[in-house]
Amino acid sequence: MRQRTTFRTARELFHADTCQPLKAAAKTGAVRLAALGRGSYPGERLPKNDLQELCMAGYWDASFDQDWGLDWHCNEGIEIGYVAAGRLPFSMGDKDYQVEPGHLTITRPWQRHRVGQPHVPASHYSWLILDVGMRRPNQTWQWPPWLLYSKTALKWLTDRLRQNEQPIWRANRQIGHCFEQLDSAVEHGGSAANHARLKIHINELIILLAEMFESRQPALDQSLPSSERTVRLFLESLGHRLDEPWTLDSMAAACGLGRTHFSCYCKKLCNVSPVEHLTRLRLQAATLLLTRHAAMSITEIAFRCGFQSSQYFAKVFRGRSGHSPSDHRKNGRSKK
């Protein structure tokens, strides 16, 4: 069974989306949902030995404004969505959008996004999630072997999807028709014939996407899929992962790099070694907890911030600040 993937950003931990609010709304009849999925995704089960790279394909049709939305999440692959009717609130990172009818949404696994602000209006939204073997910007994309597009053409398309992370695109009529065909195949269930139709329509969609990019010539940024950006994203998230037992090797592995290259990027971005950066973050977090959370014991704070013991925490804290954690807490209270 596929394990549910987790993602961390600079703010929070995210799991690969399971669409629980959508499932609940469909169960009550508030929205019509048709889907084929695998793992934790909703819908009739996709075959184990076919279409293995397809995580999910589906659509919802809401005939009235809903009181639910899909909260912040990431996905296991590239997600391509299409709004056929209604205006759909969509957020990615710190930007909010209103996706108009006839527009696409495109997100990569590291792009945190939500649908609804926080609720979903009356709308028809179709999407598919295709696992292309990457979770980080600097990883190699591995397209499904059942795609008929040439390797050269897929590489060209990959570059456009890696080096431009614009999330909203105006689609053409052919793409809209392709999603209608995908909806029909999903709606008719998991028969072998419909699996074949899915392959045909996904192949068509990939070709149409490439043609769309070719006609519009989007600006490309070669730094987006770089190892340096991957390290930057990791370092931004590290402050929310302090309780994990990090080592230099495990931090480098989280970025898909060797320890030497990882250390060089960290030094360039932070002007300190990775271990020193981690220690600083842990001490900053511990200092705030000591001051603001009087009910937490020093031992609890030490473990929450990733120190192996309260004794080691006290030693490091005293070495950097000149006084013990308990003295810092007392001094903080006396200043209030």
Protein backbone atom coordinates (compact mmCIF):
# COMPACT_ATOMS: atom_id res chain seq x y z
CA MET A 1 0.00 0.00 0.00
CA ARG A 2 1.19 3.53 -0.78
CA GLN A 3 2.23 5.36 2.35
CA ARG A 4 0.66 8.71 2.94
CA THR A 5 3.25 11.32 2.07
CA THR A 6 4.04 14.18 4.43
CA PHE A 7 5.35 17.60 3.51
CA ARG A 8 6.74 20.39 5.63
CA THR A 9 6.90 24.04 4.75
CA ALA A 10 8.29 27.03 6.58
CA ARG A 11 5.07 27.16 8.58
CA GLU A 12 3.53 23.73 9.09
CA LEU A 13 3.50 20.00 8.46
CA PHE A 14 1.25 18.87 5.65
CA HIS A 15 0.09 15.45 4.55
CA ALA A 16 -0.70 14.52 0.99
CA ASP A 17 -4.30 15.55 0.53
CA THR A 18 -7.00 13.00 1.40
CA CYS A 19 -9.93 15.31 0.48
CA GLN A 20 -11.77 14.54 3.72
CA PRO A 21 -14.04 17.65 3.58
CA LEU A 22 -14.97 16.77 0.01
CA LYS A 23 -15.68 13.16 0.98
CA ALA A 24 -17.95 14.31 3.81
CA ALA A 25 -19.83 16.73 1.57
CA ALA A 26 -20.32 14.03 -1.07
CA LYS A 27 -21.60 11.61 1.56
CA THR A 28 -24.32 14.05 2.62
CA GLY A 29 -25.25 14.80 -0.98
CA ALA A 30 -24.15 18.44 -0.83
CA VAL A 31 -21.85 17.91 -3.78
CA ARG A 32 -21.55 15.33 -6.51
CA LEU A 33 -18.17 13.59 -6.54
CA ALA A 34 -16.87 11.14 -9.13
CA ALA A 35 -13.33 9.87 -8.66
CA LEU A 36 -10.83 7.10 -9.25
CA GLY A 37 -8.00 6.98 -6.73
CA ARG A 38 -5.45 4.96 -4.87
CA GLY A 39 -3.95 5.07 -1.39
CA SER A 40 -5.67 7.67 0.81
CA TYR A 41 -7.29 9.48 -2.12
CA PRO A 42 -11.08 9.06 -2.52
CA GLY A 43 -12.95 7.23 -5.23
CA GLU A 44 -13.21 3.82 -6.81
CA ARG A 45 -9.85 2.06 -6.60
CA LEU A 46 -7.42 2.35 -9.48
CA PRO A 47 -5.80 -0.92 -10.64
CA LYS A 48 -2.69 -2.11 -8.80
CA ASN A 49 -0.88 -3.19 -11.96
CA ASP A 50 -1.86 -0.40 -14.32
CA LEU A 51 -1.83 3.40 -14.29
CA GLN A 52 0.42 3.15 -11.24
CA GLU A 53 1.62 6.74 -11.58
CA LEU A 54 -1.93 8.11 -11.48
CA CYS A 55 -2.76 8.99 -7.87
CA MET A 56 -6.23 10.28 -8.59
CA ALA A 57 -8.56 11.58 -11.27
CA GLY A 58 -11.93 13.08 -10.48
CA TYR A 59 -14.34 15.97 -10.44
CA TRP A 60 -16.87 17.62 -8.18
CA ASP A 61 -20.04 19.36 -9.18
CA ALA A 62 -21.57 21.71 -6.59
CA SER A 63 -24.90 23.29 -7.57
CA PHE A 64 -24.94 25.67 -4.59
CA ASP A 65 -22.39 27.38 -2.34
CA GLN A 66 -20.72 24.96 0.07
CA ASP A 67 -19.63 25.36 3.71
CA TRP A 68 -16.41 23.37 3.28
CA GLY A 69 -13.09 23.84 1.50
CA LEU A 70 -9.87 21.91 1.00
CA ASP A 71 -7.42 23.26 3.57
CA TRP A 72 -3.68 23.83 3.02
CA HIS A 73 -2.04 20.75 1.59
CA CYS A 74 0.48 19.40 -0.89
CA ASN A 75 0.22 16.46 -3.28
CA GLU A 76 2.36 13.46 -4.18
CA GLY A 77 2.69 14.52 -7.79
CA ILE A 78 1.89 17.28 -10.19
CA GLU A 79 -1.78 18.28 -9.94
CA ILE A 80 -3.59 19.68 -12.96
CA GLY A 81 -7.08 21.06 -12.36
CA TYR A 82 -9.69 22.70 -14.56
CA VAL A 83 -12.62 24.94 -13.60
CA ALA A 84 -15.49 24.29 -16.02
CA ALA A 85 -18.07 26.43 -14.19
CA GLY A 86 -18.15 28.86 -11.28
CA ARG A 87 -15.36 31.01 -9.82
CA LEU A 88 -13.14 28.98 -7.53
CA PRO A 89 -11.08 30.59 -4.72
CA PHE A 90 -7.54 29.20 -4.84
CA SER A 91 -4.50 30.07 -2.73
CA MET A 92 -0.85 29.13 -3.09
CA GLY A 93 1.88 30.31 -0.76
CA ASP A 94 0.91 33.83 0.31
CA LYS A 95 -1.17 34.66 -2.80
CA ASP A 96 -4.92 34.35 -3.32
CA TYR A 97 -6.59 33.83 -6.70
CA GLN A 98 -10.07 33.58 -8.17
CA VAL A 99 -9.92 30.88 -10.83
CA GLU A 100 -12.31 31.75 -13.62
CA PRO A 101 -14.24 29.25 -15.77
CA GLY A 102 -11.97 27.84 -18.46
CA HIS A 103 -8.78 28.21 -16.42
CA LEU A 104 -6.25 25.62 -15.24
CA THR A 105 -4.56 25.19 -11.88
CA ILE A 106 -1.10 23.56 -11.89
CA THR A 107 0.78 22.73 -8.68
CA ARG A 108 3.97 20.80 -7.93
CA PRO A 109 4.50 18.59 -4.83
CA TRP A 110 6.36 21.27 -2.83
CA GLN A 111 3.74 23.97 -3.53
CA ARG A 112 1.45 24.47 -0.56
CA HIS A 113 -2.07 25.36 -1.70
CA ARG A 114 -5.74 25.31 -0.75
CA VAL A 115 -9.08 25.41 -2.56
CA GLY A 116 -11.68 27.67 -0.94
CA GLN A 117 -11.24 30.78 1.21
CA PRO A 118 -12.24 28.97 3.27
CA HIS A 119 -15.41 27.73 1.56
CA VAL A 120 -16.15 26.52 -1.96
CA PRO A 121 -18.86 28.23 -4.05
CA ALA A 122 -21.08 26.54 -6.63
CA SER A 123 -18.63 25.17 -9.16
CA HIS A 124 -17.52 22.31 -11.38
CA TYR A 125 -13.87 21.41 -10.85
CA SER A 126 -11.95 18.54 -12.44
CA TRP A 127 -8.43 17.39 -11.63
CA LEU A 128 -5.84 14.68 -11.84
CA ILE A 129 -2.70 14.02 -9.80
CA LEU A 130 0.17 12.37 -11.61
CA ASP A 131 3.19 11.09 -9.69
CA VAL A 132 6.27 11.87 -11.76
CA GLY A 133 8.75 10.61 -9.19
CA MET A 134 9.81 13.86 -7.53
CA ARG A 135 9.10 15.63 -4.24
CA ARG A 136 11.74 18.38 -4.33
CA PRO A 137 12.53 21.04 -6.97
CA ASN A 138 15.96 19.59 -7.78
CA GLN A 139 14.85 16.00 -8.39
CA THR A 140 14.58 14.37 -11.81
CA TRP A 141 11.08 13.95 -13.22
CA GLN A 142 10.08 10.42 -14.25
CA TRP A 143 7.04 10.45 -16.49
CA PRO A 144 4.81 7.34 -16.76
CA PRO A 145 5.99 4.82 -19.36
CA TRP A 146 2.50 4.73 -20.88
CA LEU A 147 2.79 8.30 -22.12
CA LEU A 148 3.31 8.26 -25.89
CA TYR A 149 5.05 11.63 -26.09
CA SER A 150 8.70 11.39 -27.10
CA LYS A 151 11.44 11.68 -24.47
CA THR A 152 12.67 14.86 -26.12
CA ALA A 153 9.22 16.43 -26.01
CA LEU A 154 8.67 15.37 -22.40
CA LYS A 155 12.00 16.91 -21.42
CA TRP A 156 10.95 20.15 -23.09
CA LEU A 157 7.64 20.12 -21.19
CA THR A 158 9.41 19.22 -17.93
CA ASP A 159 11.63 22.29 -18.23
CA ARG A 160 8.55 24.50 -18.61
CA LEU A 161 6.91 22.94 -15.57
CA ARG A 162 10.08 23.08 -13.45
CA GLN A 163 11.32 26.53 -14.42
CA ASN A 164 7.97 28.30 -14.27
CA GLU A 165 5.74 27.81 -11.23
CA GLN A 166 2.84 30.03 -12.29
CA PRO A 167 -0.24 28.27 -10.80
CA ILE A 168 -3.10 29.66 -12.95
CA TRP A 169 -3.39 29.43 -16.74
CA ARG A 170 -6.13 30.23 -19.21
CA ALA A 171 -6.93 27.01 -21.04
CA ASN A 172 -8.10 26.65 -24.63
CA ARG A 173 -11.19 24.81 -25.87
CA GLN A 174 -9.26 21.64 -26.63
CA ILE A 175 -8.05 21.37 -23.02
CA GLY A 176 -11.59 22.00 -21.77
CA HIS A 177 -12.92 19.26 -24.05
CA CYS A 178 -10.15 16.92 -22.85
CA PHE A 179 -11.27 17.39 -19.24
CA GLU A 180 -14.86 16.68 -20.29
CA GLN A 181 -13.64 13.37 -21.70
CA LEU A 182 -11.67 12.65 -18.52
CA ASP A 183 -14.78 13.37 -16.45
CA SER A 184 -16.76 10.92 -18.56
CA ALA A 185 -14.15 8.18 -18.17
CA VAL A 186 -14.02 8.71 -14.40
CA GLU A 187 -17.79 8.77 -14.09
CA HIS A 188 -18.16 5.41 -15.82
CA GLY A 189 -15.93 3.70 -13.29
CA GLY A 190 -12.94 1.43 -13.16
CA SER A 191 -13.46 -0.94 -16.05
CA ALA A 192 -10.55 -1.90 -18.27
CA ALA A 193 -12.09 0.09 -21.11
CA ASN A 194 -12.24 3.23 -18.99
CA HIS A 195 -8.64 2.73 -17.84
CA ALA A 196 -7.67 2.72 -21.51
CA ARG A 197 -9.71 5.88 -22.05
CA LEU A 198 -7.94 7.54 -19.12
CA LYS A 199 -4.58 6.81 -20.70
CA ILE A 200 -5.73 8.24 -24.03
CA HIS A 201 -7.12 11.43 -22.50
CA ILE A 202 -4.14 11.98 -20.19
CA ASN A 203 -1.82 11.57 -23.18
CA GLU A 204 -3.91 14.12 -25.04
CA LEU A 205 -3.81 16.51 -22.08
CA ILE A 206 -0.01 16.32 -21.85
CA ILE A 207 0.30 17.13 -25.55
CA LEU A 208 -2.14 20.03 -25.23
CA LEU A 209 -0.24 21.42 -22.23
CA ALA A 210 2.99 21.35 -24.21
CA GLU A 211 1.30 23.14 -27.11
CA MET A 212 -0.10 25.74 -24.70
CA PHE A 213 3.36 26.49 -23.30
CA GLU A 214 4.88 26.57 -26.78
CA SER A 215 2.35 29.13 -27.97
CA ARG A 216 2.72 31.38 -24.93
CA GLN A 217 6.47 31.14 -24.32
CA PRO A 218 6.38 31.68 -20.52
CA ALA A 219 9.43 33.23 -18.87
CA LEU A 220 11.68 30.56 -17.40
CA ASP A 221 13.80 30.78 -14.26
CA GLN A 222 16.59 28.19 -14.16
CA SER A 223 17.12 28.79 -10.43
CA LEU A 224 13.72 27.31 -9.52
CA PRO A 225 14.77 23.63 -9.88
CA SER A 226 18.24 24.24 -8.44
CA SER A 227 19.79 22.46 -5.47
CA GLU A 228 20.35 25.82 -3.83
CA ARG A 229 16.61 26.52 -3.85
CA THR A 230 15.92 23.06 -2.45
CA VAL A 231 18.29 23.79 0.44
CA ARG A 232 16.68 27.20 0.95
CA LEU A 233 13.21 25.63 1.21
CA PHE A 234 14.55 23.02 3.63
CA LEU A 235 16.23 25.62 5.84
CA GLU A 236 13.04 27.70 5.91
CA SER A 237 11.14 24.67 7.19
CA LEU A 238 13.76 23.58 9.72
CA GLY A 239 12.45 25.82 12.48
CA HIS A 240 9.27 23.73 12.49
CA ARG A 241 11.11 20.41 12.60
CA LEU A 242 13.36 20.99 15.59
CA ASP A 243 12.20 17.91 17.49
CA GLU A 244 13.58 15.57 14.84
CA PRO A 245 16.99 13.94 15.51
CA TRP A 246 18.86 15.82 12.81
CA THR A 247 22.43 15.07 11.85
CA LEU A 248 24.48 16.63 9.06
CA ASP A 249 23.93 13.49 6.99
CA SER A 250 20.15 13.41 7.52
CA MET A 251 19.78 17.11 6.69
CA ALA A 252 21.78 16.62 3.50
CA ALA A 253 19.73 13.53 2.60
CA ALA A 254 16.49 15.49 3.07
CA CYS A 255 17.70 17.71 0.22
CA GLY A 256 18.99 14.85 -1.90
CA LEU A 257 22.57 16.08 -1.59
CA GLY A 258 25.89 14.91 -0.21
CA ARG A 259 27.02 16.47 3.05
CA THR A 260 29.75 18.57 1.41
CA HIS A 261 27.47 20.18 -1.16
CA PHE A 262 24.72 20.67 1.42
CA SER A 263 27.16 22.35 3.81
CA CYS A 264 28.40 24.68 1.08
CA TYR A 265 24.88 25.82 0.21
CA CYS A 266 24.03 26.29 3.90
CA LYS A 267 27.16 28.37 4.45
CA LYS A 268 26.25 30.50 1.42
CA LEU A 269 22.66 31.05 2.56
CA CYS A 270 23.15 31.38 6.32
CA ASN A 271 26.86 32.16 6.73
CA VAL A 272 27.17 29.34 9.28
CA SER A 273 27.45 25.56 9.17
CA PRO A 274 24.26 23.45 9.09
CA VAL A 275 24.79 22.21 12.65
CA GLU A 276 25.38 25.74 13.92
CA HIS A 277 22.26 26.95 12.12
CA LEU A 278 20.23 24.15 13.69
CA THR A 279 21.58 24.89 17.17
CA ARG A 280 20.72 28.58 16.81
CA LEU A 281 17.17 27.76 15.75
CA ARG A 282 16.74 25.37 18.68
CA LEU A 283 18.00 27.93 21.18
CA GLN A 284 15.77 30.66 19.71
CA ALA A 285 12.73 28.41 20.01
CA ALA A 286 13.66 27.33 23.54
CA THR A 287 14.17 30.94 24.64
CA LEU A 288 10.67 31.86 23.49
CA LEU A 289 9.12 28.84 25.20
CA LEU A 290 10.91 29.59 28.47
CA THR A 291 9.49 33.10 28.48
CA ARG A 292 5.99 32.52 27.16
CA HIS A 293 5.02 29.06 28.44
CA ALA A 294 5.50 28.93 32.19
CA ALA A 295 3.52 25.69 32.47
CA MET A 296 6.06 23.78 30.35
CA SER A 297 8.91 22.17 32.24
CA ILE A 298 12.48 22.80 31.17
CA THR A 299 12.80 19.10 30.30
CA GLU A 300 9.73 19.30 28.06
CA ILE A 301 11.09 22.40 26.34
CA ALA A 302 14.44 20.69 25.81
CA PHE A 303 12.89 17.69 24.07
CA ARG A 304 10.44 19.78 22.06
CA CYS A 305 13.31 21.82 20.66
CA GLY A 306 15.36 18.75 19.77
CA PHE A 307 17.90 18.58 22.60
CA GLN A 308 18.76 15.06 23.71
CA SER A 309 18.43 15.81 27.42
CA SER A 310 17.70 18.68 29.77
CA GLN A 311 21.31 18.52 30.99
CA TYR A 312 22.68 18.98 27.47
CA PHE A 313 20.16 21.75 26.82
CA ALA A 314 21.27 23.57 30.00
CA LYS A 315 24.93 23.23 29.02
CA VAL A 316 24.40 24.65 25.52
CA PHE A 317 22.07 27.38 26.77
CA ARG A 318 24.51 28.52 29.45
CA GLY A 319 27.39 28.42 26.98
CA ARG A 320 25.57 30.77 24.59
CA SER A 321 23.74 33.09 27.02
CA GLY A 322 25.87 33.00 30.17
CA HIS A 323 23.05 31.82 32.42
CA SER A 324 20.89 28.73 32.92
CA PRO A 325 17.43 28.14 31.40
CA SER A 326 15.82 28.41 34.86
CA ASP A 327 17.56 31.76 35.50
CA HIS A 328 16.40 33.02 32.12
CA ARG A 329 12.82 32.05 32.96
CA LYS A 330 13.02 33.82 36.35
CA ASN A 331 14.50 36.95 34.80
CA GLY A 332 11.81 36.94 32.14
CA ARG A 333 9.08 36.82 34.76
CA SER A 334 10.62 39.59 36.85
CA LYS A 335 10.53 41.96 33.85
CA LYS A 336 6.78 41.55 33.38
